[in-house]
């Protein structure tokens, strides 16, 4: 059986990125420094990932502090949560950028919001439950 494992994002400031994803309720699951390759990987996700949920792999290439272009092909990550209004306020209070306030999706009823992480990656918050 195949399964979706993770999405990899290159980041400028690893600790700032980890702190942002913690505002979404994620936590650092594991970290590895690859000295020979001059990079550090941090996997973030929910709980202990015992159920095999997809994770986000934050990759910091040592010395690449100027950043990367997000690219025109990348859309967004999506996170389901029970109260996106509270999540948006927590993100805003933590210094995060809110690009779309919570509200129904255009031509529908699903409540969504959009935020950006420190590197400009878009995250859609979807009201669940």
Protein backbone atom coordinates (compact mmCIF):
# COMPACT_ATOMS: atom_id res chain seq x y z
CA UNK A 1 0.00 0.00 0.00
CA UNK A 2 1.37 3.41 -0.93
CA UNK A 3 1.04 6.48 1.27
CA UNK A 4 1.82 10.18 1.11
CA UNK A 5 4.79 10.85 3.40
CA UNK A 6 5.81 14.51 3.39
CA UNK A 7 6.22 17.80 1.58
CA UNK A 8 9.71 19.35 1.58
CA UNK A 9 10.14 23.12 1.87
CA UNK A 10 13.49 24.92 1.73
CA UNK A 11 13.70 27.57 4.44
CA UNK A 12 15.98 30.52 5.25
CA UNK A 13 15.77 30.39 9.04
CA UNK A 14 15.09 26.96 10.48
CA UNK A 15 14.19 28.00 14.03
CA UNK A 16 11.84 30.75 12.84
CA UNK A 17 10.10 28.27 10.53
CA UNK A 18 9.75 25.62 13.25
CA UNK A 19 8.24 28.25 15.57
CA UNK A 20 5.71 29.23 12.88
CA UNK A 21 4.52 25.65 12.33
CA UNK A 22 4.20 25.25 16.10
CA UNK A 23 1.64 28.09 15.91
CA UNK A 24 -0.39 25.71 13.71
CA UNK A 25 -0.27 23.11 16.47
CA UNK A 26 2.50 21.03 14.91
CA UNK A 27 5.62 19.98 16.74
CA UNK A 28 9.11 18.94 15.80
CA UNK A 29 9.06 15.18 15.23
CA UNK A 30 12.71 14.63 14.37
CA UNK A 31 15.82 16.52 13.30
CA UNK A 32 19.00 15.50 11.54
CA UNK A 33 22.11 17.44 10.65
CA UNK A 34 23.99 16.22 7.63
CA UNK A 35 27.45 17.71 8.06
CA UNK A 36 28.86 16.24 4.84
CA UNK A 37 25.97 17.71 2.84
CA UNK A 38 25.86 20.97 4.82
CA UNK A 39 22.14 20.87 5.55
CA UNK A 40 19.70 20.27 8.41
CA UNK A 41 16.32 18.55 8.13
CA UNK A 42 13.48 19.05 10.59
CA UNK A 43 10.24 17.12 10.20
CA UNK A 44 7.17 18.75 11.75
CA UNK A 45 3.71 17.28 12.16
CA UNK A 46 0.95 16.46 14.59
CA UNK A 47 1.12 14.33 17.75
CA UNK A 48 3.69 11.57 17.41
CA UNK A 49 2.64 10.70 13.85
CA UNK A 50 1.62 7.22 15.05
CA UNK A 51 -1.15 7.20 12.43
CA UNK A 52 1.18 7.95 9.54
CA UNK A 53 -0.07 11.45 8.81
CA UNK A 54 1.82 13.43 6.21
CA UNK A 55 4.61 15.63 7.57
CA UNK A 56 6.42 18.76 6.45
CA UNK A 57 10.17 18.45 5.93
CA UNK A 58 11.85 21.80 6.56
CA UNK A 59 15.25 21.83 4.84
CA UNK A 60 17.89 24.39 5.75
CA UNK A 61 20.90 24.41 3.42
CA UNK A 62 23.71 25.92 5.47
CA UNK A 63 24.70 29.35 4.19
CA UNK A 64 21.60 29.81 2.01
CA UNK A 65 20.15 32.63 4.10
CA UNK A 66 19.04 34.79 1.17
CA UNK A 67 16.10 32.48 0.53
CA UNK A 68 14.49 30.82 -2.42
CA UNK A 69 11.78 31.70 -4.88
CA UNK A 70 8.54 29.98 -3.95
CA UNK A 71 7.82 29.33 -7.62
CA UNK A 72 4.74 29.76 -9.72
CA UNK A 73 3.83 26.05 -9.73
CA UNK A 74 3.45 25.73 -5.97
CA UNK A 75 -0.08 26.35 -4.69
CA UNK A 76 -0.39 25.84 -0.94
CA UNK A 77 -0.37 23.40 1.95
CA UNK A 78 -3.72 22.67 3.62
CA UNK A 79 -4.34 22.06 7.33
CA UNK A 80 -7.70 21.05 8.79
CA UNK A 81 -8.47 22.33 12.27
CA UNK A 82 -11.51 22.78 14.51
CA UNK A 83 -11.32 26.57 15.00
CA UNK A 84 -9.54 28.53 12.28
CA UNK A 85 -10.58 31.91 13.70
CA UNK A 86 -8.61 31.16 16.89
CA UNK A 87 -5.74 29.77 14.84
CA UNK A 88 -5.58 32.95 12.75
CA UNK A 89 -5.45 35.10 15.90
CA UNK A 90 -2.71 32.91 17.38
CA UNK A 91 -0.70 33.14 14.16
CA UNK A 92 -1.17 36.90 13.97
CA UNK A 93 -0.15 37.31 17.64
CA UNK A 94 2.92 35.17 16.94
CA UNK A 95 4.01 37.50 14.16
CA UNK A 96 2.63 35.42 11.29
CA UNK A 97 1.11 36.88 8.15
CA UNK A 98 -2.62 36.41 7.50
CA UNK A 99 -3.46 36.84 3.82
CA UNK A 100 -7.15 35.88 3.91
CA UNK A 101 -9.35 36.21 6.94
CA UNK A 102 -11.62 33.27 7.90
CA UNK A 103 -14.79 33.05 5.83
CA UNK A 104 -16.66 30.87 3.36
CA UNK A 105 -14.90 29.84 0.19
CA UNK A 106 -16.12 31.69 -2.90
CA UNK A 107 -19.25 30.01 -4.29
CA UNK A 108 -19.38 27.57 -1.35
CA UNK A 109 -19.87 27.14 2.37
CA UNK A 110 -16.57 25.66 3.59
CA UNK A 111 -14.86 28.12 5.93
CA UNK A 112 -11.21 28.76 5.09
CA UNK A 113 -8.40 31.21 5.79
CA UNK A 114 -4.90 31.66 4.36
CA UNK A 115 -1.64 32.43 6.15
CA UNK A 116 1.99 32.53 5.03
CA UNK A 117 4.97 31.00 6.75
CA UNK A 118 8.22 33.00 7.22
CA UNK A 119 9.41 31.99 3.73
CA UNK A 120 6.18 33.00 1.96
CA UNK A 121 4.69 29.51 1.56
CA UNK A 122 0.90 29.68 1.63
CA UNK A 123 -1.07 27.54 4.06
CA UNK A 124 -4.83 27.13 3.73
CA UNK A 125 -6.62 26.58 7.04
CA UNK A 126 -9.87 24.62 6.60
CA UNK A 127 -12.55 24.50 9.31
CA UNK A 128 -13.18 20.88 10.35
CA UNK A 129 -15.48 19.45 12.98
